[in-house]
PDB file of all heavy atoms in Angstrom:
ATOM      1  N   THR A   1    -145.570 -14.265   9.625  1.00  0.00           N
ATOM      2  CA  THR A   1    -146.436 -14.948   8.636  1.00  0.00           C
ATOM      3  C   THR A   1    -145.637 -15.969   7.827  1.00  0.00           C
ATOM      4  O   THR A   1    -144.399 -15.956   7.817  1.00  0.00           O
ATOM      5  CB  THR A   1    -147.052 -13.926   7.695  1.00  0.00           C
ATOM      6  OG1 THR A   1    -146.022 -13.353   6.895  1.00  0.00           O
ATOM      7  CG2 THR A   1    -147.815 -12.832   8.443  1.00  0.00           C
ATOM      8  N   TYR A   2    -146.358 -16.829   7.138  1.00  0.00           N
ATOM      9  CA  TYR A   2    -145.674 -17.774   6.229  1.00  0.00           C
ATOM     10  C   TYR A   2    -144.887 -17.012   5.169  1.00  0.00           C
ATOM     11  O   TYR A   2    -143.780 -17.421   4.797  1.00  0.00           O
ATOM     12  CB  TYR A   2    -146.699 -18.684   5.577  1.00  0.00           C
ATOM     13  CG  TYR A   2    -147.106 -19.858   6.444  1.00  0.00           C
ATOM     14  CD1 TYR A   2    -148.362 -19.920   7.004  1.00  0.00           C
ATOM     15  CD2 TYR A   2    -146.211 -20.888   6.711  1.00  0.00           C
ATOM     16  CE1 TYR A   2    -148.739 -20.979   7.817  1.00  0.00           C
ATOM     17  CE2 TYR A   2    -146.568 -21.959   7.515  1.00  0.00           C
ATOM     18  CZ  TYR A   2    -147.843 -22.000   8.065  1.00  0.00           C
ATOM     19  OH  TYR A   2    -148.205 -23.070   8.856  1.00  0.00           O
ATOM     20  N   GLN A   3    -145.443 -15.903   4.669  1.00  0.00           N
ATOM     21  CA  GLN A   3    -144.739 -15.129   3.657  1.00  0.00           C
ATOM     22  C   GLN A   3    -143.423 -14.587   4.223  1.00  0.00           C
ATOM     23  O   GLN A   3    -142.388 -14.637   3.541  1.00  0.00           O
ATOM     24  CB  GLN A   3    -145.615 -13.989   3.157  1.00  0.00           C
ATOM     25  CG  GLN A   3    -144.972 -13.166   2.044  1.00  0.00           C
ATOM     26  CD  GLN A   3    -145.967 -12.205   1.424  1.00  0.00           C
ATOM     27  OE1 GLN A   3    -146.977 -12.616   0.876  1.00  0.00           O
ATOM     28  NE2 GLN A   3    -145.668 -10.934   1.500  1.00  0.00           N
ATOM     29  N   ASP A   4    -143.452 -14.088   5.437  1.00  0.00           N
ATOM     30  CA  ASP A   4    -142.233 -13.590   6.083  1.00  0.00           C
ATOM     31  C   ASP A   4    -141.215 -14.715   6.216  1.00  0.00           C
ATOM     32  O   ASP A   4    -140.019 -14.531   5.953  1.00  0.00           O
ATOM     33  CB  ASP A   4    -142.538 -13.018   7.457  1.00  0.00           C
ATOM     34  CG  ASP A   4    -143.352 -11.738   7.389  1.00  0.00           C
ATOM     35  OD1 ASP A   4    -143.266 -11.047   6.364  1.00  0.00           O
ATOM     36  OD2 ASP A   4    -144.097 -11.451   8.356  1.00  0.00           O
ATOM     37  N   ARG A   5    -141.667 -15.888   6.652  1.00  0.00           N
ATOM     38  CA  ARG A   5    -140.774 -17.017   6.844  1.00  0.00           C
ATOM     39  C   ARG A   5    -140.194 -17.490   5.514  1.00  0.00           C
ATOM     40  O   ARG A   5    -139.014 -17.816   5.420  1.00  0.00           O
ATOM     41  CB  ARG A   5    -141.518 -18.151   7.560  1.00  0.00           C
ATOM     42  CG  ARG A   5    -141.838 -17.854   9.011  1.00  0.00           C
ATOM     43  CD  ARG A   5    -142.780 -18.898   9.588  1.00  0.00           C
ATOM     44  NE  ARG A   5    -142.192 -20.237   9.565  1.00  0.00           N
ATOM     45  CZ  ARG A   5    -142.863 -21.349   9.900  1.00  0.00           C
ATOM     46  NH1 ARG A   5    -144.147 -21.264  10.273  1.00  0.00           N
ATOM     47  NH2 ARG A   5    -142.249 -22.515   9.844  1.00  0.00           N
ATOM     48  N   LEU A   6    -141.041 -17.501   4.479  1.00  0.00           N
ATOM     49  CA  LEU A   6    -140.567 -17.939   3.168  1.00  0.00           C
ATOM     50  C   LEU A   6    -139.493 -16.981   2.634  1.00  0.00           C
ATOM     51  O   LEU A   6    -138.465 -17.418   2.119  1.00  0.00           O
ATOM     52  CB  LEU A   6    -141.749 -17.981   2.182  1.00  0.00           C
ATOM     53  CG  LEU A   6    -142.710 -19.147   2.342  1.00  0.00           C
ATOM     54  CD1 LEU A   6    -144.001 -18.892   1.580  1.00  0.00           C
ATOM     55  CD2 LEU A   6    -142.057 -20.451   1.855  1.00  0.00           C
ATOM     56  N   LEU A   7    -139.738 -15.657   2.769  1.00  0.00           N
ATOM     57  CA  LEU A   7    -138.773 -14.695   2.265  1.00  0.00           C
ATOM     58  C   LEU A   7    -137.475 -14.681   3.091  1.00  0.00           C
ATOM     59  O   LEU A   7    -136.404 -14.399   2.543  1.00  0.00           O
ATOM     60  CB  LEU A   7    -139.400 -13.286   2.279  1.00  0.00           C
ATOM     61  CG  LEU A   7    -140.479 -13.050   1.221  1.00  0.00           C
ATOM     62  CD1 LEU A   7    -141.243 -11.762   1.517  1.00  0.00           C
ATOM     63  CD2 LEU A   7    -139.880 -13.029  -0.166  1.00  0.00           C
ATOM     64  N   LYS A   8    -137.564 -15.067   4.334  1.00  0.00           N
ATOM     65  CA  LYS A   8    -136.372 -15.152   5.185  1.00  0.00           C
ATOM     66  C   LYS A   8    -135.541 -16.367   4.819  1.00  0.00           C
ATOM     67  O   LYS A   8    -134.295 -16.310   4.842  1.00  0.00           O
ATOM     68  CB  LYS A   8    -136.759 -15.210   6.645  1.00  0.00           C
ATOM     69  CG  LYS A   8    -135.585 -15.221   7.607  1.00  0.00           C
ATOM     70  CD  LYS A   8    -136.053 -15.231   9.061  1.00  0.00           C
ATOM     71  CE  LYS A   8    -134.844 -15.226  10.013  1.00  0.00           C
ATOM     72  NZ  LYS A   8    -135.278 -15.265  11.438  1.00  0.00           N
ATOM     73  N   ALA A   9    -136.197 -17.449   4.412  1.00  0.00           N
ATOM     74  CA  ALA A   9    -135.478 -18.711   4.190  1.00  0.00           C
ATOM     75  C   ALA A   9    -135.091 -18.924   2.731  1.00  0.00           C
ATOM     76  O   ALA A   9    -134.104 -19.625   2.437  1.00  0.00           O
ATOM     77  CB  ALA A   9    -136.366 -19.879   4.674  1.00  0.00           C
ATOM     78  N   ILE A  10    -135.878 -18.358   1.791  1.00  0.00           N
ATOM     79  CA  ILE A  10    -135.704 -18.658   0.364  1.00  0.00           C
ATOM     80  C   ILE A  10    -135.625 -17.342  -0.423  1.00  0.00           C
ATOM     81  O   ILE A  10    -136.535 -16.531  -0.305  1.00  0.00           O
ATOM     82  CB  ILE A  10    -136.886 -19.489  -0.152  1.00  0.00           C
ATOM     83  CG1 ILE A  10    -137.068 -20.773   0.654  1.00  0.00           C
ATOM     84  CG2 ILE A  10    -136.706 -19.835  -1.660  1.00  0.00           C
ATOM     85  CD1 ILE A  10    -138.400 -21.461   0.422  1.00  0.00           C
ATOM     86  N   PRO A  11    -134.583 -17.114  -1.206  1.00  0.00           N
ATOM     87  CA  PRO A  11    -134.547 -15.907  -2.028  1.00  0.00           C
ATOM     88  C   PRO A  11    -135.789 -15.846  -2.948  1.00  0.00           C
ATOM     89  O   PRO A  11    -136.059 -16.773  -3.697  1.00  0.00           O
ATOM     90  CB  PRO A  11    -133.271 -16.071  -2.868  1.00  0.00           C
ATOM     91  CG  PRO A  11    -132.414 -16.972  -2.034  1.00  0.00           C
ATOM     92  CD  PRO A  11    -133.365 -17.920  -1.353  1.00  0.00           C
ATOM     93  N   GLY A  12    -136.547 -14.763  -2.809  1.00  0.00           N
ATOM     94  CA  GLY A  12    -137.784 -14.671  -3.596  1.00  0.00           C
ATOM     95  C   GLY A  12    -138.983 -15.337  -2.959  1.00  0.00           C
ATOM     96  O   GLY A  12    -140.094 -15.193  -3.426  1.00  0.00           O
ATOM     97  N   GLY A  13    -138.730 -16.108  -1.902  1.00  0.00           N
ATOM     98  CA  GLY A  13    -139.835 -16.752  -1.188  1.00  0.00           C
ATOM     99  C   GLY A  13    -140.382 -17.992  -1.838  1.00  0.00           C
ATOM    100  O   GLY A  13    -141.373 -18.575  -1.356  1.00  0.00           O
ATOM    101  N   ALA A  14    -139.800 -18.422  -2.930  1.00  0.00           N
ATOM    102  CA  ALA A  14    -140.264 -19.628  -3.625  1.00  0.00           C
ATOM    103  C   ALA A  14    -139.162 -20.074  -4.571  1.00  0.00           C
ATOM    104  O   ALA A  14    -138.241 -19.301  -4.885  1.00  0.00           O
ATOM    105  CB  ALA A  14    -141.539 -19.358  -4.407  1.00  0.00           C
ATOM    106  N   HIS A  15    -139.250 -21.296  -5.052  1.00  0.00           N
ATOM    107  CA  HIS A  15    -138.212 -21.837  -5.925  1.00  0.00           C
ATOM    108  C   HIS A  15    -138.495 -21.614  -7.403  1.00  0.00           C
ATOM    109  O   HIS A  15    -137.725 -22.055  -8.259  1.00  0.00           O
ATOM    110  CB  HIS A  15    -137.965 -23.302  -5.591  1.00  0.00           C
ATOM    111  CG  HIS A  15    -137.204 -23.491  -4.321  1.00  0.00           C
ATOM    112  ND1 HIS A  15    -137.812 -23.472  -3.080  1.00  0.00           N
ATOM    113  CD2 HIS A  15    -135.879 -23.646  -4.089  1.00  0.00           C
ATOM    114  CE1 HIS A  15    -136.903 -23.636  -2.143  1.00  0.00           C
ATOM    115  NE2 HIS A  15    -135.720 -23.747  -2.724  1.00  0.00           N
ATOM    116  N   THR A  16    -139.592 -20.940  -7.696  1.00  0.00           N
ATOM    117  CA  THR A  16    -139.872 -20.465  -9.050  1.00  0.00           C
ATOM    118  C   THR A  16    -140.450 -19.063  -8.889  1.00  0.00           C
ATOM    119  O   THR A  16    -141.325 -18.839  -8.068  1.00  0.00           O
ATOM    120  CB  THR A  16    -140.942 -21.350  -9.730  1.00  0.00           C
ATOM    121  OG1 THR A  16    -140.571 -22.713  -9.620  1.00  0.00           O
ATOM    122  CG2 THR A  16    -141.079 -21.008 -11.213  1.00  0.00           C
ATOM    123  N   TYR A  17    -139.956 -18.113  -9.677  1.00  0.00           N
ATOM    124  CA  TYR A  17    -140.379 -16.726  -9.483  1.00  0.00           C
ATOM    125  C   TYR A  17    -141.873 -16.552  -9.743  1.00  0.00           C
ATOM    126  O   TYR A  17    -142.500 -15.682  -9.130  1.00  0.00           O
ATOM    127  CB  TYR A  17    -139.565 -15.796 -10.373  1.00  0.00           C
ATOM    128  CG  TYR A  17    -138.199 -15.511  -9.809  1.00  0.00           C
ATOM    129  CD1 TYR A  17    -137.033 -15.995 -10.396  1.00  0.00           C
ATOM    130  CD2 TYR A  17    -138.064 -14.740  -8.642  1.00  0.00           C
ATOM    131  CE1 TYR A  17    -135.783 -15.732  -9.855  1.00  0.00           C
ATOM    132  CE2 TYR A  17    -136.821 -14.489  -8.091  1.00  0.00           C
ATOM    133  CZ  TYR A  17    -135.666 -14.986  -8.704  1.00  0.00           C
ATOM    134  OH  TYR A  17    -134.425 -14.726  -8.165  1.00  0.00           O
ATOM    135  N   SER A  18    -142.461 -17.368 -10.599  1.00  0.00           N
ATOM    136  CA  SER A  18    -143.883 -17.222 -10.855  1.00  0.00           C
ATOM    137  C   SER A  18    -144.751 -17.722  -9.701  1.00  0.00           C
ATOM    138  O   SER A  18    -145.960 -17.596  -9.719  1.00  0.00           O
ATOM    139  CB  SER A  18    -144.282 -17.952 -12.140  1.00  0.00           C
ATOM    140  OG  SER A  18    -143.825 -19.275 -12.121  1.00  0.00           O
ATOM    141  N   ARG A  19    -144.111 -18.325  -8.671  1.00  0.00           N
ATOM    142  CA  ARG A  19    -144.834 -18.674  -7.441  1.00  0.00           C
ATOM    143  C   ARG A  19    -144.677 -17.578  -6.370  1.00  0.00           C
ATOM    144  O   ARG A  19    -145.209 -17.736  -5.268  1.00  0.00           O
ATOM    145  CB  ARG A  19    -144.301 -19.991  -6.878  1.00  0.00           C
ATOM    146  CG  ARG A  19    -144.746 -21.233  -7.633  1.00  0.00           C
ATOM    147  CD  ARG A  19    -144.321 -22.497  -6.861  1.00  0.00           C
ATOM    148  NE  ARG A  19    -144.891 -23.704  -7.442  1.00  0.00           N
ATOM    149  CZ  ARG A  19    -144.195 -24.612  -8.140  1.00  0.00           C
ATOM    150  NH1 ARG A  19    -142.895 -24.411  -8.382  1.00  0.00           N
ATOM    151  NH2 ARG A  19    -144.771 -25.696  -8.599  1.00  0.00           N
ATOM    152  N   GLY A  20    -143.916 -16.541  -6.685  1.00  0.00           N
ATOM    153  CA  GLY A  20    -143.634 -15.494  -5.707  1.00  0.00           C
ATOM    154  C   GLY A  20    -144.880 -14.709  -5.334  1.00  0.00           C
ATOM    155  O   GLY A  20    -145.871 -14.645  -6.080  1.00  0.00           O
ATOM    156  N   PHE A  21    -144.844 -14.068  -4.171  1.00  0.00           N
ATOM    157  CA  PHE A  21    -146.008 -13.319  -3.654  1.00  0.00           C
ATOM    158  C   PHE A  21    -146.404 -12.172  -4.583  1.00  0.00           C
ATOM    159  O   PHE A  21    -147.562 -11.762  -4.615  1.00  0.00           O
ATOM    160  CB  PHE A  21    -145.743 -12.792  -2.251  1.00  0.00           C
ATOM    161  CG  PHE A  21    -144.827 -11.598  -2.202  1.00  0.00           C
ATOM    162  CD1 PHE A  21    -145.330 -10.303  -2.236  1.00  0.00           C
ATOM    163  CD2 PHE A  21    -143.446 -11.766  -2.132  1.00  0.00           C
ATOM    164  CE1 PHE A  21    -144.509  -9.204  -2.196  1.00  0.00           C
ATOM    165  CE2 PHE A  21    -142.607 -10.665  -2.084  1.00  0.00           C
ATOM    166  CZ  PHE A  21    -143.139  -9.389  -2.132  1.00  0.00           C
ATOM    167  N   ASP A  22    -145.430 -11.640  -5.368  1.00  0.00           N
ATOM    168  CA  ASP A  22    -145.709 -10.497  -6.226  1.00  0.00           C
ATOM    169  C   ASP A  22    -146.489 -10.908  -7.487  1.00  0.00           C
ATOM    170  O   ASP A  22    -146.843 -10.039  -8.298  1.00  0.00           O
ATOM    171  CB  ASP A  22    -144.423  -9.769  -6.613  1.00  0.00           C
ATOM    172  CG  ASP A  22    -143.434 -10.664  -7.354  1.00  0.00           C
ATOM    173  OD1 ASP A  22    -143.639 -11.894  -7.413  1.00  0.00           O
ATOM    174  OD2 ASP A  22    -142.456 -10.094  -7.886  1.00  0.00           O
ATOM    175  N   GLN A  23    -146.762 -12.190  -7.633  1.00  0.00           N
ATOM    176  CA  GLN A  23    -147.534 -12.665  -8.793  1.00  0.00           C
ATOM    177  C   GLN A  23    -148.993 -12.934  -8.440  1.00  0.00           C
ATOM    178  O   GLN A  23    -149.767 -13.417  -9.286  1.00  0.00           O
ATOM    179  CB  GLN A  23    -146.893 -13.951  -9.326  1.00  0.00           C
ATOM    180  CG  GLN A  23    -145.468 -13.809  -9.782  1.00  0.00           C
ATOM    181  CD  GLN A  23    -145.324 -12.770 -10.852  1.00  0.00           C
ATOM    182  OE1 GLN A  23    -145.874 -12.891 -11.959  1.00  0.00           O
ATOM    183  NE2 GLN A  23    -144.625 -11.672 -10.523  1.00  0.00           N
ATOM    184  N   TYR A  24    -149.359 -12.597  -7.195  1.00  0.00           N
ATOM    185  CA  TYR A  24    -150.712 -12.922  -6.712  1.00  0.00           C
ATOM    186  C   TYR A  24    -151.288 -11.752  -5.940  1.00  0.00           C
ATOM    187  O   TYR A  24    -150.557 -10.900  -5.397  1.00  0.00           O
ATOM    188  CB  TYR A  24    -150.660 -14.151  -5.802  1.00  0.00           C
ATOM    189  CG  TYR A  24    -150.272 -15.409  -6.533  1.00  0.00           C
ATOM    190  CD1 TYR A  24    -148.937 -15.736  -6.729  1.00  0.00           C
ATOM    191  CD2 TYR A  24    -151.252 -16.262  -7.047  1.00  0.00           C
ATOM    192  CE1 TYR A  24    -148.576 -16.901  -7.414  1.00  0.00           C
ATOM    193  CE2 TYR A  24    -150.905 -17.418  -7.736  1.00  0.00           C
ATOM    194  CZ  TYR A  24    -149.561 -17.716  -7.904  1.00  0.00           C
ATOM    195  OH  TYR A  24    -149.212 -18.855  -8.615  1.00  0.00           O
ATOM    196  N   PRO A  25    -152.611 -11.659  -5.859  1.00  0.00           N
ATOM    197  CA  PRO A  25    -153.225 -10.618  -5.036  1.00  0.00           C
ATOM    198  C   PRO A  25    -152.972 -10.876  -3.551  1.00  0.00           C
ATOM    199  O   PRO A  25    -152.564 -11.982  -3.155  1.00  0.00           O
ATOM    200  CB  PRO A  25    -154.700 -10.749  -5.383  1.00  0.00           C
ATOM    201  CG  PRO A  25    -154.890 -12.150  -5.835  1.00  0.00           C
ATOM    202  CD  PRO A  25    -153.607 -12.509  -6.522  1.00  0.00           C
ATOM    203  N   ALA A  26    -153.236  -9.867  -2.745  1.00  0.00           N
ATOM    204  CA  ALA A  26    -152.932  -9.947  -1.312  1.00  0.00           C
ATOM    205  C   ALA A  26    -153.715 -11.041  -0.620  1.00  0.00           C
ATOM    206  O   ALA A  26    -153.270 -11.551   0.423  1.00  0.00           O
ATOM    207  CB  ALA A  26    -153.200  -8.590  -0.659  1.00  0.00           C
ATOM    208  N   ASN A  27    -154.890 -11.425  -1.128  1.00  0.00           N
ATOM    209  CA  ASN A  27    -155.698 -12.418  -0.433  1.00  0.00           C
ATOM    210  C   ASN A  27    -155.395 -13.853  -0.872  1.00  0.00           C
ATOM    211  O   ASN A  27    -156.077 -14.792  -0.433  1.00  0.00           O
ATOM    212  CB  ASN A  27    -157.193 -12.131  -0.638  1.00  0.00           C
ATOM    213  CG  ASN A  27    -157.650 -12.357  -2.072  1.00  0.00           C
ATOM    214  OD1 ASN A  27    -156.873 -12.222  -3.012  1.00  0.00           O
ATOM    215  ND2 ASN A  27    -158.931 -12.684  -2.251  1.00  0.00           N
ATOM    216  N   ALA A  28    -154.400 -14.028  -1.726  1.00  0.00           N
ATOM    217  CA  ALA A  28    -154.030 -15.366  -2.142  1.00  0.00           C
ATOM    218  C   ALA A  28    -153.452 -16.154  -0.941  1.00  0.00           C
ATOM    219  O   ALA A  28    -152.820 -15.567  -0.056  1.00  0.00           O
ATOM    220  CB  ALA A  28    -153.002 -15.319  -3.266  1.00  0.00           C
ATOM    221  N   PRO A  29    -153.644 -17.461  -0.906  1.00  0.00           N
ATOM    222  CA  PRO A  29    -153.029 -18.238   0.170  1.00  0.00           C
ATOM    223  C   PRO A  29    -151.497 -18.063   0.097  1.00  0.00           C
ATOM    224  O   PRO A  29    -150.900 -18.136  -0.961  1.00  0.00           O
ATOM    225  CB  PRO A  29    -153.452 -19.675  -0.115  1.00  0.00           C
ATOM    226  CG  PRO A  29    -153.859 -19.685  -1.565  1.00  0.00           C
ATOM    227  CD  PRO A  29    -154.395 -18.324  -1.851  1.00  0.00           C
ATOM    228  N   GLN A  30    -150.886 -17.838   1.247  1.00  0.00           N
ATOM    229  CA  GLN A  30    -149.443 -17.644   1.295  1.00  0.00           C
ATOM    230  C   GLN A  30    -148.687 -18.944   1.089  1.00  0.00           C
ATOM    231  O   GLN A  30    -147.548 -18.925   0.603  1.00  0.00           O
ATOM    232  CB  GLN A  30    -149.033 -16.986   2.626  1.00  0.00           C
ATOM    233  CG  GLN A  30    -149.547 -15.568   2.786  1.00  0.00           C
ATOM    234  CD  GLN A  30    -149.048 -14.920   4.059  1.00  0.00           C
ATOM    235  OE1 GLN A  30    -148.158 -15.445   4.744  1.00  0.00           O
ATOM    236  NE2 GLN A  30    -149.624 -13.785   4.417  1.00  0.00           N
ATOM    237  N   ILE A  31    -149.299 -20.020   1.468  1.00  0.00           N
ATOM    238  CA  ILE A  31    -148.633 -21.323   1.389  1.00  0.00           C
ATOM    239  C   ILE A  31    -149.729 -22.400   1.188  1.00  0.00           C
ATOM    240  O   ILE A  31    -150.887 -22.232   1.625  1.00  0.00           O
ATOM    241  CB  ILE A  31    -147.822 -21.604   2.684  1.00  0.00           C
ATOM    242  CG1 ILE A  31    -146.749 -22.674   2.428  1.00  0.00           C
ATOM    243  CG2 ILE A  31    -148.732 -21.928   3.863  1.00  0.00           C
ATOM    244  CD1 ILE A  31    -145.704 -22.705   3.522  1.00  0.00           C
ATOM    245  N   LEU A  32    -149.371 -23.459   0.506  1.00  0.00           N
ATOM    246  CA  LEU A  32    -150.294 -24.564   0.279  1.00  0.00           C
ATOM    247  C   LEU A  32    -149.800 -25.829   0.963  1.00  0.00           C
ATOM    248  O   LEU A  32    -148.580 -26.049   1.036  1.00  0.00           O
ATOM    249  CB  LEU A  32    -150.488 -24.801  -1.223  1.00  0.00           C
ATOM    250  CG  LEU A  32    -151.123 -23.661  -2.030  1.00  0.00           C
ATOM    251  CD1 LEU A  32    -151.106 -23.972  -3.511  1.00  0.00           C
ATOM    252  CD2 LEU A  32    -152.535 -23.377  -1.560  1.00  0.00           C
ATOM    253  N   LYS A  33    -150.747 -26.621   1.427  1.00  0.00           N
ATOM    254  CA  LYS A  33    -150.386 -27.845   2.128  1.00  0.00           C
ATOM    255  C   LYS A  33    -150.468 -29.058   1.233  1.00  0.00           C
ATOM    256  O   LYS A  33    -149.615 -29.958   1.308  1.00  0.00           O
ATOM    257  CB  LYS A  33    -151.295 -28.039   3.351  1.00  0.00           C
ATOM    258  CG  LYS A  33    -150.942 -29.248   4.202  1.00  0.00           C
ATOM    259  CD  LYS A  33    -151.799 -29.320   5.442  1.00  0.00           C
ATOM    260  CE  LYS A  33    -151.397 -30.505   6.333  1.00  0.00           C
ATOM    261  NZ  LYS A  33    -152.209 -30.562   7.582  1.00  0.00           N
ATOM    262  N   ARG A  34    -151.503 -29.116   0.352  1.00  0.00           N
ATOM    263  CA  ARG A  34    -151.658 -30.323  -0.450  1.00  0.00           C
ATOM    264  C   ARG A  34    -152.561 -30.016  -1.653  1.00  0.00           C
ATOM    265  O   ARG A  34    -153.185 -28.952  -1.744  1.00  0.00           O
ATOM    266  CB  ARG A  34    -152.252 -31.467   0.345  1.00  0.00           C
ATOM    267  CG  ARG A  34    -153.700 -31.220   0.812  1.00  0.00           C
ATOM    268  CD  ARG A  34    -154.208 -32.318   1.715  1.00  0.00           C
ATOM    269  NE  ARG A  34    -155.611 -32.130   2.072  1.00  0.00           N
ATOM    270  CZ  ARG A  34    -156.656 -32.652   1.410  1.00  0.00           C
ATOM    271  NH1 ARG A  34    -156.438 -33.431   0.353  1.00  0.00           N
ATOM    272  NH2 ARG A  34    -157.877 -32.418   1.803  1.00  0.00           N
ATOM    273  N   GLY A  35    -152.602 -30.964  -2.578  1.00  0.00           N
ATOM    274  CA  GLY A  35    -153.496 -30.877  -3.707  1.00  0.00           C
ATOM    275  C   GLY A  35    -154.115 -32.239  -3.992  1.00  0.00           C
ATOM    276  O   GLY A  35    -153.492 -33.282  -3.711  1.00  0.00           O
ATOM    277  N   LYS A  36    -155.322 -32.229  -4.497  1.00  0.00           N
ATOM    278  CA  LYS A  36    -156.006 -33.464  -4.852  1.00  0.00           C
ATOM    279  C   LYS A  36    -156.952 -33.175  -6.026  1.00  0.00           C
ATOM    280  O   LYS A  36    -157.792 -32.273  -5.923  1.00  0.00           O
ATOM    281  CB  LYS A  36    -156.783 -34.055  -3.679  1.00  0.00           C
ATOM    282  CG  LYS A  36    -157.490 -35.378  -3.993  1.00  0.00           C
ATOM    283  CD  LYS A  36    -156.497 -36.482  -4.314  1.00  0.00           C
ATOM    284  CE  LYS A  36    -157.200 -37.809  -4.583  1.00  0.00           C
ATOM    285  NZ  LYS A  36    -156.232 -38.884  -4.979  1.00  0.00           N
TER     286      LYS A  36
END
């Protein structure tokens, strides 16, 4: 999964801890592509 890949490549899976998977419910998108 994207979450697995993120945790393998980046300590904590994100570059800010408040973006980490443990800050969101299980159904949250694991990764985002864009915003508008």
